[in-house]
């Protein structure tokens, strides 16, 4: 396990696993692929794309724990989250709940968290 295991990494692991693993067993991924992705133009590969997306989330969770292949998996996940913003969430505005529903704020937060883990000193260097 990495020496750099932070509360943020643990939270991201839990979020990405809970967002992915149950759908592998309750038909959620199949529904996402067949009933959503295929309907919006991914046919006939919507189911395949859905499984790739969810398996990439599981791979990212493992990567956050082991610190292996973190940068490429985080970038892939960020691209998936950005695609989700444009394909699903943007039309619903900013808020996930409260001032609206199903908006972009959660994806935005996940993207910023992943960037913070992968590039911890990107904006301001840490004090020494």
N, C-alpha and C. Protein backbone atom coordinates (compact mmCIF):
# COMPACT_ATOMS: atom_id res chain seq x y z
N UNK A 1 0.85 -1.18 0.00
CA UNK A 1 0.00 0.00 0.00
C UNK A 1 0.89 1.24 0.00
N UNK A 2 0.44 2.29 -0.66
CA UNK A 2 1.23 3.49 -0.79
C UNK A 2 1.42 4.21 0.54
N UNK A 3 2.55 4.89 0.67
CA UNK A 3 2.79 5.70 1.86
C UNK A 3 1.95 6.97 1.82
N UNK A 4 1.45 7.31 0.64
CA UNK A 4 0.71 8.54 0.44
C UNK A 4 -0.80 8.30 0.46
N UNK A 5 -1.26 7.38 1.25
CA UNK A 5 -2.69 7.09 1.33
C UNK A 5 -3.35 8.13 2.23
N UNK A 6 -4.12 9.01 1.63
CA UNK A 6 -4.75 10.09 2.37
C UNK A 6 -6.25 9.84 2.50
N UNK A 7 -6.88 10.67 3.30
CA UNK A 7 -8.34 10.59 3.43
C UNK A 7 -8.99 10.83 2.07
N UNK A 8 -8.41 11.74 1.28
CA UNK A 8 -8.96 12.02 -0.05
C UNK A 8 -8.91 10.79 -0.94
N UNK A 9 -7.80 10.08 -0.92
CA UNK A 9 -7.68 8.86 -1.72
C UNK A 9 -8.68 7.81 -1.26
N UNK A 10 -8.82 7.65 0.04
CA UNK A 10 -9.77 6.66 0.57
C UNK A 10 -11.19 7.02 0.13
N UNK A 11 -11.53 8.30 0.22
CA UNK A 11 -12.87 8.74 -0.20
C UNK A 11 -13.08 8.45 -1.69
N UNK A 12 -12.09 8.73 -2.52
CA UNK A 12 -12.20 8.47 -3.95
C UNK A 12 -12.34 6.98 -4.24
N UNK A 13 -11.58 6.16 -3.53
CA UNK A 13 -11.69 4.71 -3.70
C UNK A 13 -13.12 4.26 -3.40
N UNK A 14 -13.66 4.70 -2.28
CA UNK A 14 -15.02 4.31 -1.90
C UNK A 14 -16.03 4.78 -2.94
N UNK A 15 -15.92 6.03 -3.37
CA UNK A 15 -16.87 6.57 -4.35
C UNK A 15 -16.83 5.78 -5.64
N UNK A 16 -15.63 5.54 -6.19
CA UNK A 16 -15.54 4.86 -7.48
C UNK A 16 -15.93 3.38 -7.38
N UNK A 17 -15.64 2.74 -6.26
CA UNK A 17 -16.07 1.35 -6.11
C UNK A 17 -17.58 1.25 -5.95
N UNK A 18 -18.15 2.11 -5.12
CA UNK A 18 -19.60 2.06 -4.89
C UNK A 18 -20.35 2.47 -6.16
N UNK A 19 -19.75 3.31 -6.97
CA UNK A 19 -20.38 3.74 -8.22
C UNK A 19 -20.30 2.65 -9.30
N UNK A 20 -19.42 1.69 -9.13
CA UNK A 20 -19.17 0.71 -10.19
C UNK A 20 -19.57 -0.72 -9.83
N UNK A 21 -19.11 -1.21 -8.70
CA UNK A 21 -19.24 -2.63 -8.38
C UNK A 21 -20.69 -3.10 -8.26
N UNK A 22 -21.58 -2.39 -7.59
CA UNK A 22 -22.96 -2.90 -7.51
C UNK A 22 -23.59 -3.11 -8.88
N UNK A 23 -23.31 -2.24 -9.83
CA UNK A 23 -23.87 -2.37 -11.17
C UNK A 23 -23.41 -3.61 -11.90
N UNK A 24 -22.31 -4.19 -11.44
CA UNK A 24 -21.82 -5.43 -12.03
C UNK A 24 -22.69 -6.61 -11.63
N UNK A 25 -23.43 -6.46 -10.55
CA UNK A 25 -24.21 -7.57 -10.01
C UNK A 25 -25.71 -7.35 -10.05
N UNK A 26 -26.15 -6.11 -10.26
CA UNK A 26 -27.59 -5.83 -10.26
C UNK A 26 -28.11 -5.39 -11.62
N UNK A 27 -27.35 -5.65 -12.66
CA UNK A 27 -27.72 -5.34 -14.04
C UNK A 27 -27.62 -3.85 -14.36
N UNK A 28 -27.08 -3.06 -13.46
CA UNK A 28 -26.97 -1.62 -13.68
C UNK A 28 -26.09 -1.25 -14.86
N UNK A 29 -24.97 -1.94 -15.00
CA UNK A 29 -24.07 -1.64 -16.12
C UNK A 29 -24.72 -2.03 -17.44
N UNK A 30 -25.38 -3.18 -17.46
CA UNK A 30 -26.07 -3.61 -18.67
C UNK A 30 -27.17 -2.61 -19.06
N UNK A 31 -27.91 -2.14 -18.07
CA UNK A 31 -28.94 -1.14 -18.34
C UNK A 31 -28.32 0.15 -18.86
N UNK A 32 -27.24 0.59 -18.25
CA UNK A 32 -26.55 1.80 -18.67
C UNK A 32 -26.10 1.68 -20.14
N UNK A 33 -25.55 0.53 -20.48
CA UNK A 33 -25.08 0.32 -21.85
C UNK A 33 -26.21 0.17 -22.84
N UNK A 34 -27.16 -0.69 -22.51
CA UNK A 34 -28.24 -1.00 -23.45
C UNK A 34 -29.33 0.06 -23.49
N UNK A 35 -29.72 0.55 -22.33
CA UNK A 35 -30.87 1.45 -22.27
C UNK A 35 -30.48 2.92 -22.38
N UNK A 36 -29.22 3.23 -22.14
CA UNK A 36 -28.83 4.64 -22.26
C UNK A 36 -27.83 4.85 -23.40
N UNK A 37 -26.66 4.24 -23.29
CA UNK A 37 -25.62 4.51 -24.29
C UNK A 37 -26.05 4.11 -25.70
N UNK A 38 -26.65 2.95 -25.84
CA UNK A 38 -27.12 2.54 -27.17
C UNK A 38 -28.18 3.50 -27.70
N UNK A 39 -29.01 4.05 -26.81
CA UNK A 39 -30.07 4.96 -27.22
C UNK A 39 -29.55 6.31 -27.70
N UNK A 40 -28.38 6.73 -27.18
CA UNK A 40 -27.87 8.05 -27.55
C UNK A 40 -26.82 7.99 -28.65
N UNK A 41 -26.67 6.82 -29.28
CA UNK A 41 -25.80 6.75 -30.45
C UNK A 41 -24.60 5.83 -30.36
N UNK A 42 -24.45 5.11 -29.25
CA UNK A 42 -23.31 4.20 -29.12
C UNK A 42 -23.60 2.80 -29.67
N UNK A 43 -24.83 2.57 -30.13
CA UNK A 43 -25.18 1.24 -30.65
C UNK A 43 -24.28 0.90 -31.83
N UNK A 44 -23.78 -0.29 -31.91
CA UNK A 44 -24.09 -1.47 -31.10
C UNK A 44 -23.08 -1.71 -29.96
N UNK A 45 -22.24 -0.73 -29.64
CA UNK A 45 -21.17 -0.97 -28.67
C UNK A 45 -21.44 -0.35 -27.29
N UNK A 46 -22.67 0.10 -27.04
CA UNK A 46 -22.97 0.75 -25.77
C UNK A 46 -22.68 -0.11 -24.56
N UNK A 47 -23.04 -1.38 -24.61
CA UNK A 47 -22.79 -2.28 -23.49
C UNK A 47 -21.29 -2.44 -23.25
N UNK A 48 -20.53 -2.60 -24.31
CA UNK A 48 -19.08 -2.71 -24.20
C UNK A 48 -18.48 -1.45 -23.58
N UNK A 49 -18.92 -0.29 -24.05
CA UNK A 49 -18.43 0.99 -23.51
C UNK A 49 -18.80 1.11 -22.04
N UNK A 50 -20.02 0.74 -21.67
CA UNK A 50 -20.45 0.81 -20.28
C UNK A 50 -19.54 -0.03 -19.38
N UNK A 51 -19.22 -1.24 -19.82
CA UNK A 51 -18.34 -2.10 -19.03
C UNK A 51 -16.93 -1.52 -18.96
N UNK A 52 -16.44 -0.95 -20.05
CA UNK A 52 -15.11 -0.31 -20.01
C UNK A 52 -15.08 0.84 -19.01
N UNK A 53 -16.12 1.64 -19.02
CA UNK A 53 -16.19 2.78 -18.10
C UNK A 53 -16.15 2.28 -16.65
N UNK A 54 -17.00 1.33 -16.32
CA UNK A 54 -17.07 0.86 -14.94
C UNK A 54 -15.82 0.09 -14.52
N UNK A 55 -15.26 -0.70 -15.42
CA UNK A 55 -14.00 -1.39 -15.08
C UNK A 55 -12.86 -0.41 -14.92
N UNK A 56 -12.88 0.69 -15.69
CA UNK A 56 -11.83 1.71 -15.51
C UNK A 56 -11.96 2.37 -14.14
N UNK A 57 -13.18 2.52 -13.64
CA UNK A 57 -13.37 3.07 -12.30
C UNK A 57 -12.80 2.13 -11.23
N UNK A 58 -13.02 0.84 -11.40
CA UNK A 58 -12.46 -0.13 -10.46
C UNK A 58 -10.93 -0.11 -10.54
N UNK A 59 -10.39 -0.05 -11.74
CA UNK A 59 -8.94 0.01 -11.91
C UNK A 59 -8.38 1.26 -11.25
N UNK A 60 -9.08 2.38 -11.39
CA UNK A 60 -8.63 3.61 -10.73
C UNK A 60 -8.63 3.45 -9.21
N UNK A 61 -9.66 2.82 -8.66
CA UNK A 61 -9.72 2.62 -7.21
C UNK A 61 -8.52 1.80 -6.73
N UNK A 62 -8.20 0.74 -7.44
CA UNK A 62 -7.03 -0.08 -7.09
C UNK A 62 -5.76 0.76 -7.23
N UNK A 63 -5.69 1.55 -8.27
CA UNK A 63 -4.52 2.40 -8.51
C UNK A 63 -4.34 3.43 -7.40
N UNK A 64 -5.43 3.99 -6.91
CA UNK A 64 -5.34 4.95 -5.81
C UNK A 64 -4.78 4.30 -4.55
N UNK A 65 -5.06 3.01 -4.36
CA UNK A 65 -4.54 2.29 -3.19
C UNK A 65 -3.09 1.86 -3.36
N UNK A 66 -2.71 1.51 -4.58
CA UNK A 66 -1.37 0.95 -4.81
C UNK A 66 -0.38 1.94 -5.40
N UNK A 67 -0.87 3.06 -5.90
CA UNK A 67 -0.03 4.07 -6.54
C UNK A 67 0.60 3.58 -7.84
N UNK A 68 0.02 2.59 -8.45
CA UNK A 68 0.50 2.05 -9.74
C UNK A 68 -0.41 2.56 -10.86
N UNK A 69 0.18 3.06 -11.93
CA UNK A 69 -0.54 3.53 -13.12
C UNK A 69 -1.56 4.62 -12.79
N UNK A 70 -1.31 5.38 -11.74
CA UNK A 70 -2.28 6.36 -11.28
C UNK A 70 -2.53 7.46 -12.30
N UNK A 71 -1.48 8.04 -12.84
CA UNK A 71 -1.67 9.16 -13.75
C UNK A 71 -2.49 8.78 -14.99
N UNK A 72 -2.14 7.71 -15.71
CA UNK A 72 -2.96 7.40 -16.89
C UNK A 72 -4.40 7.02 -16.54
N UNK A 73 -4.60 6.29 -15.46
CA UNK A 73 -5.97 5.92 -15.08
C UNK A 73 -6.78 7.13 -14.62
N UNK A 74 -6.13 8.05 -13.93
CA UNK A 74 -6.82 9.27 -13.52
C UNK A 74 -7.21 10.11 -14.73
N UNK A 75 -6.32 10.20 -15.70
CA UNK A 75 -6.62 10.97 -16.91
C UNK A 75 -7.78 10.33 -17.68
N UNK A 76 -7.76 9.01 -17.80
CA UNK A 76 -8.88 8.32 -18.46
C UNK A 76 -10.19 8.61 -17.73
N UNK A 77 -10.16 8.53 -16.42
CA UNK A 77 -11.37 8.76 -15.63
C UNK A 77 -11.83 10.21 -15.76
N UNK A 78 -10.90 11.15 -15.75
CA UNK A 78 -11.26 12.55 -15.93
C UNK A 78 -11.93 12.75 -17.28
N UNK A 79 -11.41 12.12 -18.32
CA UNK A 79 -12.04 12.23 -19.65
C UNK A 79 -13.46 11.65 -19.64
N UNK A 80 -13.64 10.54 -18.93
CA UNK A 80 -14.97 9.94 -18.80
C UNK A 80 -15.91 10.89 -18.05
N UNK A 81 -15.41 11.50 -16.98
CA UNK A 81 -16.23 12.44 -16.21
C UNK A 81 -16.60 13.67 -17.03
N UNK A 82 -15.66 14.16 -17.82
CA UNK A 82 -15.94 15.31 -18.69
C UNK A 82 -17.00 14.92 -19.73
N UNK A 83 -16.86 13.73 -20.30
CA UNK A 83 -17.86 13.26 -21.26
C UNK A 83 -19.23 13.18 -20.58
N UNK A 84 -19.26 12.69 -19.35
CA UNK A 84 -20.52 12.63 -18.60
C UNK A 84 -21.13 14.00 -18.37
N UNK A 85 -20.27 14.99 -18.13
CA UNK A 85 -20.76 16.36 -17.96
C UNK A 85 -21.49 16.80 -19.22
N UNK A 86 -20.84 16.61 -20.37
CA UNK A 86 -21.44 17.10 -21.61
C UNK A 86 -22.61 16.24 -22.10
N UNK A 87 -22.55 14.94 -21.84
CA UNK A 87 -23.60 14.06 -22.34
C UNK A 87 -24.83 14.01 -21.44
N UNK A 88 -24.65 14.23 -20.14
CA UNK A 88 -25.75 14.01 -19.20
C UNK A 88 -26.02 15.24 -18.32
N UNK A 89 -25.01 15.73 -17.65
CA UNK A 89 -25.21 16.64 -16.53
C UNK A 89 -25.36 18.12 -16.88
N UNK A 90 -24.71 18.58 -17.93
CA UNK A 90 -24.68 20.01 -18.23
C UNK A 90 -26.07 20.58 -18.46
N UNK A 91 -26.92 19.84 -19.11
CA UNK A 91 -28.28 20.32 -19.38
C UNK A 91 -29.08 20.52 -18.09
N UNK A 92 -28.61 19.91 -16.99
CA UNK A 92 -29.29 20.02 -15.70
C UNK A 92 -28.71 21.11 -14.81
N UNK A 93 -27.74 21.84 -15.31
CA UNK A 93 -27.15 22.93 -14.53
C UNK A 93 -26.04 22.47 -13.61
N UNK A 94 -25.80 23.25 -12.59
CA UNK A 94 -24.68 23.02 -11.68
C UNK A 94 -25.02 22.01 -10.58
N UNK A 95 -26.16 22.15 -9.96
CA UNK A 95 -26.45 21.44 -8.72
C UNK A 95 -26.83 19.98 -8.93
N UNK A 96 -26.32 19.12 -8.03
CA UNK A 96 -26.73 17.72 -8.01
C UNK A 96 -28.05 17.61 -7.25
N UNK A 97 -28.16 18.32 -6.14
CA UNK A 97 -29.40 18.39 -5.36
C UNK A 97 -29.54 19.82 -4.85
N UNK A 98 -30.65 20.12 -4.27
CA UNK A 98 -30.86 21.45 -3.71
C UNK A 98 -31.40 22.41 -4.75
N UNK A 99 -30.50 23.18 -5.37
CA UNK A 99 -30.91 24.15 -6.37
C UNK A 99 -31.25 23.55 -7.71
N UNK A 100 -31.12 22.25 -7.84
CA UNK A 100 -31.42 21.54 -9.08
C UNK A 100 -31.24 20.06 -8.83
N UNK A 101 -31.06 19.29 -9.92
CA UNK A 101 -30.78 17.87 -9.74
C UNK A 101 -29.98 17.35 -10.92
N UNK A 102 -29.08 16.42 -10.63
CA UNK A 102 -28.27 15.74 -11.64
C UNK A 102 -27.36 16.67 -12.42
N UNK A 103 -26.92 17.76 -11.77
CA UNK A 103 -26.05 18.73 -12.43
C UNK A 103 -24.59 18.30 -12.43
N UNK A 104 -23.72 19.24 -12.75
CA UNK A 104 -22.30 18.94 -12.99
C UNK A 104 -21.43 18.97 -11.73
N UNK A 105 -21.93 19.47 -10.62
CA UNK A 105 -21.06 19.75 -9.48
C UNK A 105 -20.30 18.52 -8.95
N UNK A 106 -20.92 17.36 -8.93
CA UNK A 106 -20.24 16.18 -8.40
C UNK A 106 -19.11 15.74 -9.33
N UNK A 107 -19.37 15.72 -10.63
CA UNK A 107 -18.31 15.37 -11.58
C UNK A 107 -17.16 16.38 -11.49
N UNK A 108 -17.51 17.67 -11.37
CA UNK A 108 -16.49 18.70 -11.23
C UNK A 108 -15.63 18.45 -10.00
N UNK A 109 -16.28 18.14 -8.89
CA UNK A 109 -15.55 17.86 -7.65
C UNK A 109 -14.64 16.64 -7.79
N UNK A 110 -15.14 15.56 -8.40
CA UNK A 110 -14.31 14.37 -8.62
C UNK A 110 -13.10 14.70 -9.50
N UNK A 111 -13.31 15.48 -10.53
CA UNK A 111 -12.21 15.87 -11.41
C UNK A 111 -11.16 16.65 -10.63
N UNK A 112 -11.58 17.62 -9.83
CA UNK A 112 -10.64 18.42 -9.05
C UNK A 112 -9.91 17.56 -8.01
N UNK A 113 -10.61 16.61 -7.40
CA UNK A 113 -9.97 15.71 -6.43
C UNK A 113 -8.92 14.84 -7.11
N UNK A 114 -9.24 14.29 -8.27
CA UNK A 114 -8.26 13.48 -9.00
C UNK A 114 -7.06 14.30 -9.41
N UNK A 115 -7.29 15.51 -9.90
CA UNK A 115 -6.17 16.38 -10.26
C UNK A 115 -5.31 16.71 -9.04
N UNK A 116 -5.95 16.89 -7.89
CA UNK A 116 -5.20 17.18 -6.66
C UNK A 116 -4.34 16.02 -6.21
N UNK A 117 -4.83 14.80 -6.43
CA UNK A 117 -4.05 13.62 -6.07
C UNK A 117 -2.88 13.42 -7.03
N UNK A 118 -3.15 13.58 -8.33
CA UNK A 118 -2.13 13.31 -9.35
C UNK A 118 -1.12 14.45 -9.45
N UNK A 119 -1.58 15.68 -9.30
CA UNK A 119 -0.72 16.87 -9.40
C UNK A 119 -0.85 17.70 -8.14
N UNK A 120 -0.31 17.24 -7.02
CA UNK A 120 -0.56 17.90 -5.73
C UNK A 120 0.00 19.32 -5.64
N UNK A 121 1.00 19.65 -6.42
CA UNK A 121 1.61 20.98 -6.35
C UNK A 121 1.40 21.77 -7.65
N UNK A 122 0.34 21.47 -8.36
CA UNK A 122 0.13 22.07 -9.68
C UNK A 122 -0.07 23.58 -9.63
N UNK A 123 -0.74 24.08 -8.63
CA UNK A 123 -1.03 25.52 -8.59
C UNK A 123 -0.12 26.22 -7.59
N UNK A 124 -0.12 25.77 -6.39
CA UNK A 124 0.74 26.36 -5.37
C UNK A 124 1.63 25.27 -4.78
N UNK A 125 2.94 25.49 -4.79
CA UNK A 125 3.81 24.47 -4.20
C UNK A 125 3.59 24.37 -2.69
N UNK A 126 3.78 23.18 -2.17
CA UNK A 126 3.64 22.96 -0.73
C UNK A 126 4.75 23.69 0.01
N UNK A 127 4.43 24.16 1.21
CA UNK A 127 5.45 24.82 2.03
C UNK A 127 6.44 23.79 2.51
N UNK A 128 7.69 24.19 2.57
CA UNK A 128 8.73 23.28 3.05
C UNK A 128 9.14 23.60 4.45
